Amino acid sequence: MPVASIADFRAQARRRLPHFLFEYIDGGSYNEVTLRANRQDLRELALRQRVLKNVENVSTATNLFGDSYSMPVALAPVGLAGINRRRGEVLAARAAQAHNIPFTLSTVSLCSIEEVAAAVEQPSWFQLYMLKDRGFITDLLQRVEHAGCTTLIMTVDLPVIGSRYRDHRSGMTASANISNQLYRLQQLLMRPRWLWDVGLLGGPHTLGNLNSMLSQKASLADYQRYISDNFDASTSWDAVEFIRSHWSGKIVLKGILDSQDAQQASTSGVDGIVVSNHGGRQLDGALSTARALPAIVDRIAGDLTVLADGGIESGLDVLRMLALGADGVMLGRAWCYALAADGERGVAHMLSLLKDEMRVAMALTGHTSIASIDRQTLCRR
């Protein structure tokens, strides 16, 4: 079936992935109130149609953190993304490079930063979780810098992991007893294409950036236990100073949802923020990013580059986020759906669709450049 939208990629991913992996990508925390609000609040923003504006030459090009890109979109970090397709992070990085947009590798990716760097010429961004072992963090930052990365995305909204009901019900994070292992095995056997492509041929099935900390024979449960035990709940603003003392590139704080935190970020020496509620996977009941974004942008008044994520499923949604004040957006679930559905080709196709939708949306709202998009692009319903 031809793919016309991100929703189509989601449907294909659902058919291809084992149930517990699809639920891991698709789900949020608790009752998923914030997950739904991310989408709903964005859709409720009406766009202001304009006419006779000479939109013959529409450009989606932009600049983020000193680098030029084809559109104000970055692929967000997604843990375990490489398990959706054989060596999946490498495939997504290649697709991002082909479209000249940033790809962000997660600390908890299957492919290591070295593997991804060897596959592409364009430097990736790297996402960092603060772990208790500061020596490991220092070593990891050196590896990331050696791999050519210049932008560090520091996730700050995960001092503890939000409870995700879907992951428990699907067997993704359930206990490692024999019944749950058999339940996951049953799901794997129902997806023979994935089992062949990833399960049998897609190894090693390890978290490449953490290999020095865990055995090559570590199971999924071992990795989950290590991550849960080593996230540092004591992390404070002092951690930003620690990172700055060991990192010379750009620093972007991901997970800002309050204007007071944004103000503090602007005085902490970082270069940007990502307005984010972790895709509705952490504090259920928190504001959607669409609702939080305007106050944050107003509070910091251009002091930092502002990215946003959450609920973005089309080029129209990208335009809405830009109109609310974001300088760019990050996509997480969208590229994972596309990756699971059709690998590198799927991610590249998704990005082409997104760019075409952005061009049309910009033309119909009277814009020919990203710089001209502002809140006047929106109107009351």
Protein backbone atom coordinates (compact mmCIF):
# COMPACT_ATOMS: atom_id res chain seq x y z
CA MET A 1 0.00 0.00 0.00
CA PRO A 2 1.41 3.44 -0.93
CA VAL A 3 2.50 5.57 2.02
CA ALA A 4 1.15 9.12 2.11
CA SER A 5 1.71 10.16 5.74
CA ILE A 6 3.44 9.41 9.02
CA ALA A 7 0.22 7.71 10.12
CA ASP A 8 0.69 5.25 7.26
CA PHE A 9 4.22 4.47 8.44
CA ARG A 10 2.82 3.87 11.93
CA ALA A 11 0.36 1.34 10.58
CA GLN A 12 3.11 -0.47 8.70
CA ALA A 13 5.38 -0.47 11.75
CA ARG A 14 2.60 -2.02 13.81
CA ARG A 15 2.29 -4.87 11.31
CA ARG A 16 6.03 -5.48 11.12
CA LEU A 17 7.30 -5.15 14.69
CA PRO A 18 6.82 -7.59 17.57
CA HIS A 19 4.02 -6.27 19.73
CA PHE A 20 6.21 -5.32 22.71
CA LEU A 21 8.56 -3.27 20.51
CA PHE A 22 5.73 -1.39 18.82
CA GLU A 23 4.18 -0.60 22.18
CA TYR A 24 7.54 0.66 23.43
CA ILE A 25 7.73 3.19 20.58
CA ASP A 26 4.07 4.12 20.48
CA GLY A 27 3.18 4.36 24.15
CA GLY A 28 3.43 6.96 26.88
CA SER A 29 3.39 6.93 30.66
CA TYR A 30 0.50 6.02 32.95
CA ASN A 31 -2.85 6.85 31.25
CA GLU A 32 -1.18 8.74 28.38
CA VAL A 33 -2.99 12.01 29.05
CA THR A 34 0.05 14.08 28.05
CA LEU A 35 0.76 11.88 25.04
CA ARG A 36 -2.72 12.60 23.69
CA ALA A 37 -2.53 16.29 24.62
CA ASN A 38 0.68 16.70 22.61
CA ARG A 39 -1.22 15.78 19.46
CA GLN A 40 -4.58 17.32 20.27
CA ASP A 41 -3.33 20.74 21.41
CA LEU A 42 -1.16 21.05 18.31
CA ARG A 43 -4.04 20.15 15.96
CA GLU A 44 -6.30 22.72 17.60
CA LEU A 45 -4.06 25.54 16.44
CA ALA A 46 -5.75 27.03 13.39
CA LEU A 47 -3.53 28.21 10.55
CA ARG A 48 -4.13 31.59 8.91
CA GLN A 49 -4.62 31.17 5.18
CA ARG A 50 -3.22 34.00 3.05
CA VAL A 51 -3.55 34.68 -0.70
CA LEU A 52 -1.81 36.65 -3.47
CA LYS A 53 1.50 36.63 -1.59
CA ASN A 54 3.87 35.51 -4.41
CA VAL A 55 5.00 32.17 -3.01
CA GLU A 56 6.75 30.96 -6.15
CA ASN A 57 10.05 30.34 -4.35
CA VAL A 58 9.51 28.70 -0.97
CA SER A 59 12.61 27.69 0.99
CA THR A 60 12.61 25.48 4.08
CA ALA A 61 16.34 26.01 4.67
CA THR A 62 17.50 27.15 8.10
CA ASN A 63 20.48 27.42 10.45
CA LEU A 64 20.76 25.67 13.81
CA PHE A 65 23.74 26.07 16.15
CA GLY A 66 25.86 27.55 13.37
CA ASP A 67 25.16 24.86 10.77
CA SER A 68 22.95 25.07 7.68
CA TYR A 69 20.22 22.48 7.14
CA SER A 70 17.57 21.82 4.50
CA MET A 71 14.72 22.26 6.97
CA PRO A 72 14.23 23.01 10.69
CA VAL A 73 13.87 19.34 11.62
CA ALA A 74 16.18 16.99 13.52
CA LEU A 75 15.80 13.30 14.21
CA ALA A 76 15.44 13.04 17.98
CA PRO A 77 17.28 10.51 20.15
CA VAL A 78 15.33 7.30 20.69
CA GLY A 79 16.63 4.56 22.96
CA LEU A 80 16.87 1.08 21.42
CA ALA A 81 15.92 2.52 18.01
CA GLY A 82 18.37 0.18 16.30
CA ILE A 83 16.21 -2.80 17.19
CA ASN A 84 13.46 -1.65 14.82
CA ARG A 85 15.54 -2.55 11.77
CA ARG A 86 18.95 -4.16 11.28
CA ARG A 87 21.55 -1.63 12.56
CA GLY A 88 18.75 0.90 12.58
CA GLU A 89 20.57 3.96 13.91
CA VAL A 90 23.06 3.74 11.04
CA LEU A 91 20.20 3.58 8.53
CA ALA A 92 18.48 6.62 10.06
CA ALA A 93 21.74 8.60 10.16
CA ARG A 94 22.27 7.91 6.45
CA ALA A 95 18.75 9.07 5.61
CA ALA A 96 19.23 12.23 7.68
CA GLN A 97 22.51 12.96 5.93
CA ALA A 98 20.87 12.52 2.51
CA HIS A 99 18.30 15.16 3.50
CA ASN A 100 20.85 17.41 5.23
CA ILE A 101 19.22 17.40 8.65
CA PRO A 102 20.74 16.41 12.03
CA PHE A 103 20.52 12.90 13.41
CA THR A 104 20.76 12.49 17.19
CA LEU A 105 22.15 9.27 18.62
CA SER A 106 20.90 8.12 22.02
CA THR A 107 23.19 7.09 24.84
CA VAL A 108 21.21 3.83 24.90
CA SER A 109 21.39 3.05 21.18
CA LEU A 110 22.23 -0.35 19.74
CA CYS A 111 24.80 1.11 17.36
CA SER A 112 27.75 2.82 19.03
CA ILE A 113 28.78 6.37 18.24
CA GLU A 114 31.82 4.95 16.46
CA GLU A 115 29.69 2.71 14.22
CA VAL A 116 27.40 5.58 13.25
CA ALA A 117 30.28 8.00 12.67
CA ALA A 118 31.96 5.51 10.35
CA ALA A 119 28.81 5.27 8.22
CA VAL A 120 28.23 8.97 7.54
CA GLU A 121 30.25 12.08 6.81
CA GLN A 122 27.87 14.54 8.46
CA PRO A 123 28.53 14.79 12.22
CA SER A 124 25.69 13.43 14.33
CA TRP A 125 24.34 15.08 17.43
CA PHE A 126 24.66 12.99 20.59
CA GLN A 127 22.18 12.67 23.43
CA LEU A 128 23.52 12.23 26.95
CA TYR A 129 21.86 10.77 30.03
CA MET A 130 23.50 11.69 33.32
CA LEU A 131 24.61 8.44 34.94
CA LYS A 132 26.03 8.06 38.43
CA ASP A 133 29.45 7.03 37.12
CA ARG A 134 30.98 10.40 36.24
CA GLY A 135 34.18 8.71 35.08
CA PHE A 136 32.21 6.83 32.45
CA ILE A 137 30.49 10.07 31.41
CA THR A 138 33.86 11.76 30.96
CA ASP A 139 35.15 8.87 28.86
CA LEU A 140 31.97 8.82 26.79
CA LEU A 141 32.24 12.54 26.06
CA GLN A 142 35.77 11.98 24.80
CA ARG A 143 34.55 9.20 22.51
CA VAL A 144 31.75 11.43 21.21
CA GLU A 145 34.12 14.31 20.53
CA HIS A 146 36.59 11.97 18.81
CA ALA A 147 33.74 10.77 16.58
CA GLY A 148 33.27 14.35 15.34
CA CYS A 149 30.11 15.34 17.19
CA THR A 150 29.81 19.04 17.97
CA THR A 151 26.33 19.24 19.54
CA LEU A 152 25.40 17.50 22.79
CA ILE A 153 21.75 17.02 23.71
CA MET A 154 21.63 16.64 27.49
CA THR A 155 18.38 15.03 28.64
CA VAL A 156 17.26 16.56 31.95
CA ASP A 157 13.71 15.26 32.42
CA LEU A 158 14.55 11.69 33.40
CA PRO A 159 15.92 11.62 36.97
CA VAL A 160 13.65 8.59 37.39
CA ILE A 161 11.75 6.60 34.77
CA GLY A 162 8.03 7.22 34.41
CA SER A 163 5.80 4.16 34.69
CA ARG A 164 4.68 3.01 31.26
CA TYR A 165 1.67 0.74 31.52
CA ARG A 166 1.89 -0.45 27.93
CA ASP A 167 5.44 -1.70 28.43
CA HIS A 168 4.36 -3.73 31.46
CA ARG A 169 1.36 -5.21 29.68
CA SER A 170 3.31 -6.07 26.51
CA GLY A 171 6.12 -7.80 28.38
CA MET A 172 8.75 -5.20 27.48
CA THR A 173 9.56 -4.32 31.10
CA ALA A 174 7.91 -7.20 32.89
CA SER A 175 9.93 -9.48 35.13
CA ALA A 176 12.24 -12.02 33.49
CA ASN A 177 10.34 -15.09 34.65
CA ILE A 178 9.66 -17.97 32.27
CA SER A 179 6.07 -16.95 31.49
CA ASN A 180 7.07 -13.45 30.38
CA GLN A 181 9.95 -14.82 28.34
CA LEU A 182 7.55 -17.17 26.58
CA TYR A 183 5.12 -14.30 26.03
CA ARG A 184 7.83 -12.24 24.27
CA LEU A 185 8.97 -15.29 22.30
CA GLN A 186 5.43 -15.81 21.06
CA GLN A 187 5.37 -12.20 19.85
CA LEU A 188 8.72 -12.64 18.10
CA LEU A 189 7.60 -15.77 16.28
CA MET A 190 4.58 -13.89 14.94
CA ARG A 191 6.91 -11.47 13.12
CA PRO A 192 9.20 -13.70 11.02
CA ARG A 193 10.50 -10.87 8.80
CA TRP A 194 11.65 -8.88 11.82
CA LEU A 195 13.03 -12.03 13.43
CA TRP A 196 15.18 -12.75 10.37
CA ASP A 197 16.27 -9.17 9.65
CA VAL A 198 16.96 -8.02 13.21
CA GLY A 199 16.77 -11.00 15.53
CA LEU A 200 19.07 -13.28 13.53
CA LEU A 201 21.08 -10.96 11.27
CA GLY A 202 20.98 -7.67 13.16
CA GLY A 203 23.47 -8.33 15.95
CA PRO A 204 25.18 -7.55 18.13
CA HIS A 205 22.11 -6.88 20.26
CA THR A 206 23.93 -4.76 22.79
CA LEU A 207 23.88 -1.09 23.73
CA GLY A 208 26.96 -0.04 21.81
CA ASN A 209 27.80 3.02 23.89
CA LEU A 210 27.61 1.04 27.14
CA ASN A 211 29.53 -2.08 26.10
CA SER A 212 32.39 -1.26 28.44
CA MET A 213 29.96 -1.37 31.38
CA LEU A 214 28.10 -4.59 30.60
CA SER A 215 28.85 -8.11 29.43
CA GLN A 216 28.42 -8.95 25.75
CA LYS A 217 25.98 -11.62 26.94
CA ALA A 218 23.81 -9.15 28.84
CA SER A 219 20.06 -9.62 28.27
CA LEU A 220 17.42 -6.97 27.66
CA ALA A 221 16.49 -7.25 31.34
CA ASP A 222 20.16 -6.69 32.30
CA TYR A 223 20.30 -3.50 30.27
CA GLN A 224 17.02 -2.24 31.67
CA ARG A 225 18.21 -2.95 35.19
CA TYR A 226 21.54 -1.20 34.59
CA ILE A 227 19.88 1.88 33.15
CA SER A 228 17.30 2.08 35.94
CA ASP A 229 19.96 1.62 38.63
CA ASN A 230 22.37 4.17 37.15
CA PHE A 231 20.20 7.14 36.23
CA ASP A 232 21.30 9.84 38.65
CA ALA A 233 18.32 11.24 40.55
CA SER A 234 20.66 13.63 42.39
CA THR A 235 21.45 15.53 39.17
CA SER A 236 21.14 19.30 39.58
CA TRP A 237 22.22 22.41 37.68
CA ASP A 238 25.77 21.63 38.84
CA ALA A 239 25.75 18.83 36.27
CA VAL A 240 25.63 21.42 33.49
CA GLU A 241 28.85 22.92 34.84
CA PHE A 242 30.38 19.44 34.97
CA ILE A 243 29.48 18.77 31.34
CA ARG A 244 30.74 22.17 30.24
CA SER A 245 34.10 21.48 31.91
CA HIS A 246 34.46 18.29 29.82
CA TRP A 247 32.80 19.36 26.56
CA SER A 248 33.82 22.16 24.20
CA GLY A 249 30.92 21.93 21.74
CA LYS A 250 27.31 23.09 21.85
CA ILE A 251 25.14 22.01 24.80
CA VAL A 252 21.36 21.74 24.48
CA LEU A 253 19.12 20.86 27.45
CA LYS A 254 16.26 18.55 26.44
CA GLY A 255 13.19 18.30 28.64
CA ILE A 256 12.46 21.94 29.54
CA LEU A 257 8.74 22.51 30.09
CA ASP A 258 8.64 25.40 32.56
CA SER A 259 9.54 29.01 31.81
CA GLN A 260 11.45 29.36 35.10
CA ASP A 261 13.67 26.41 34.15
CA ALA A 262 14.13 27.96 30.71
CA GLN A 263 15.26 31.20 32.33
CA GLN A 264 17.79 29.34 34.45
CA ALA A 265 19.00 27.48 31.39
CA SER A 266 19.64 30.80 29.66
CA THR A 267 22.06 31.80 32.44
CA SER A 268 23.76 28.40 32.73
CA GLY A 269 26.01 28.67 29.70
CA VAL A 270 24.12 26.31 27.41
CA ASP A 271 23.39 27.06 23.76
CA GLY A 272 19.83 25.85 23.44
CA ILE A 273 16.90 23.96 24.90
CA VAL A 274 14.37 21.43 23.69
CA VAL A 275 10.88 22.13 24.97
CA SER A 276 9.77 18.58 25.63
CA ASN A 277 7.81 16.31 27.94
CA HIS A 278 9.71 13.26 26.70
CA GLY A 279 6.96 12.47 24.22
CA GLY A 280 4.46 12.03 27.03
CA ARG A 281 6.57 9.23 28.50
CA GLN A 282 7.47 10.79 31.85
CA LEU A 283 5.13 13.00 33.91
CA ASP A 284 1.60 12.19 32.77
CA GLY A 285 -0.57 15.26 33.19
CA ALA A 286 2.23 17.67 32.35
CA LEU A 287 1.57 20.42 29.83
CA SER A 288 1.72 19.57 26.16
CA THR A 289 4.68 21.14 24.40
CA ALA A 290 2.35 23.26 22.27
CA ARG A 291 0.91 24.83 25.43
CA ALA A 292 4.26 25.23 27.19
CA LEU A 293 6.23 26.63 24.27
CA PRO A 294 4.91 30.23 23.95
CA ALA A 295 5.58 31.19 27.58
CA ILE A 296 9.07 29.73 27.41
CA VAL A 297 9.90 31.60 24.20
CA ASP A 298 8.60 34.84 25.71
CA ARG A 299 10.58 34.33 28.92
CA ILE A 300 13.99 33.82 27.32
CA ALA A 301 13.43 36.37 24.53
CA GLY A 302 15.87 35.01 21.98
CA ASP A 303 18.72 34.22 24.40
CA LEU A 304 18.81 30.55 23.34
CA THR A 305 18.00 28.43 20.32
CA VAL A 306 14.67 26.74 21.06
CA LEU A 307 13.70 23.36 19.65
CA ALA A 308 10.46 21.54 20.43
CA ASP A 309 9.09 18.02 20.11
CA GLY A 310 5.93 16.12 20.93
CA GLY A 311 2.90 15.32 18.78
CA ILE A 312 4.44 16.33 15.44
CA GLU A 313 3.01 14.14 12.69
CA SER A 314 3.11 16.32 9.56
CA GLY A 315 4.69 19.33 7.93
CA LEU A 316 1.65 21.30 9.11
CA ASP A 317 2.61 20.47 12.69
CA VAL A 318 6.17 21.67 12.06
CA LEU A 319 4.75 24.97 10.84
CA ARG A 320 2.58 25.25 13.95
CA MET A 321 5.56 24.74 16.27
CA LEU A 322 7.57 27.35 14.38
CA ALA A 323 4.64 29.76 14.61
CA LEU A 324 4.60 29.26 18.38
CA GLY A 325 8.22 30.38 18.51
CA ALA A 326 10.39 27.30 18.04
CA ASP A 327 13.51 27.61 15.89
CA GLY A 328 13.20 23.96 14.91
CA VAL A 329 11.60 20.67 15.89
CA MET A 330 12.73 17.17 16.77
CA LEU A 331 10.96 14.02 15.57
CA GLY A 332 11.13 10.76 17.51
CA ARG A 333 8.27 8.34 16.90
CA ALA A 334 7.87 9.45 13.28
CA TRP A 335 11.31 8.28 12.17
CA CYS A 336 11.07 5.09 14.21
CA TYR A 337 7.79 4.17 12.49
CA ALA A 338 9.38 4.83 9.10
CA LEU A 339 12.51 2.89 10.03
CA ALA A 340 10.52 -0.12 11.17
CA ALA A 341 8.35 0.02 8.06
CA ASP A 342 11.02 0.34 5.38
CA GLY A 343 14.48 0.92 6.82
CA GLU A 344 16.66 3.72 5.44
CA ARG A 345 14.35 4.14 2.46
CA GLY A 346 11.40 4.59 4.80
CA VAL A 347 13.09 7.33 6.84
CA ALA A 348 14.16 9.11 3.65
CA HIS A 349 10.60 8.88 2.29
CA MET A 350 9.15 10.22 5.53
CA LEU A 351 11.49 13.21 5.41
CA SER A 352 10.56 13.91 1.79
CA LEU A 353 6.87 13.85 2.69
CA LEU A 354 7.48 16.17 5.64
CA LYS A 355 9.42 18.67 3.53
CA ASP A 356 6.76 18.68 0.80
CA GLU A 357 4.05 19.24 3.40
CA MET A 358 6.04 22.11 4.89
CA ARG A 359 6.41 23.78 1.50
CA VAL A 360 2.70 23.56 0.81
CA ALA A 361 1.79 24.80 4.30
CA MET A 362 4.21 27.72 4.02
CA ALA A 363 2.88 28.69 0.60
CA LEU A 364 -0.75 28.61 1.73
CA THR A 365 0.04 30.74 4.79
CA GLY A 366 2.00 33.25 2.71
CA HIS A 367 5.57 32.39 3.71
CA THR A 368 8.60 31.83 1.51
CA SER A 369 11.20 31.54 4.30
CA ILE A 370 11.41 30.01 7.75
CA ALA A 371 12.43 33.37 9.23
CA SER A 372 9.09 35.00 8.42
CA ILE A 373 6.98 32.45 10.30
CA ASP A 374 5.60 33.89 13.56
CA ARG A 375 2.46 33.83 15.69
CA GLN A 376 0.58 35.84 13.08
CA THR A 377 0.57 32.57 11.12
CA LEU A 378 -1.98 31.28 13.63
CA CYS A 379 -5.54 32.46 14.20
CA ARG A 380 -8.40 31.71 16.55
CA ARG A 381 -10.90 29.06 15.51
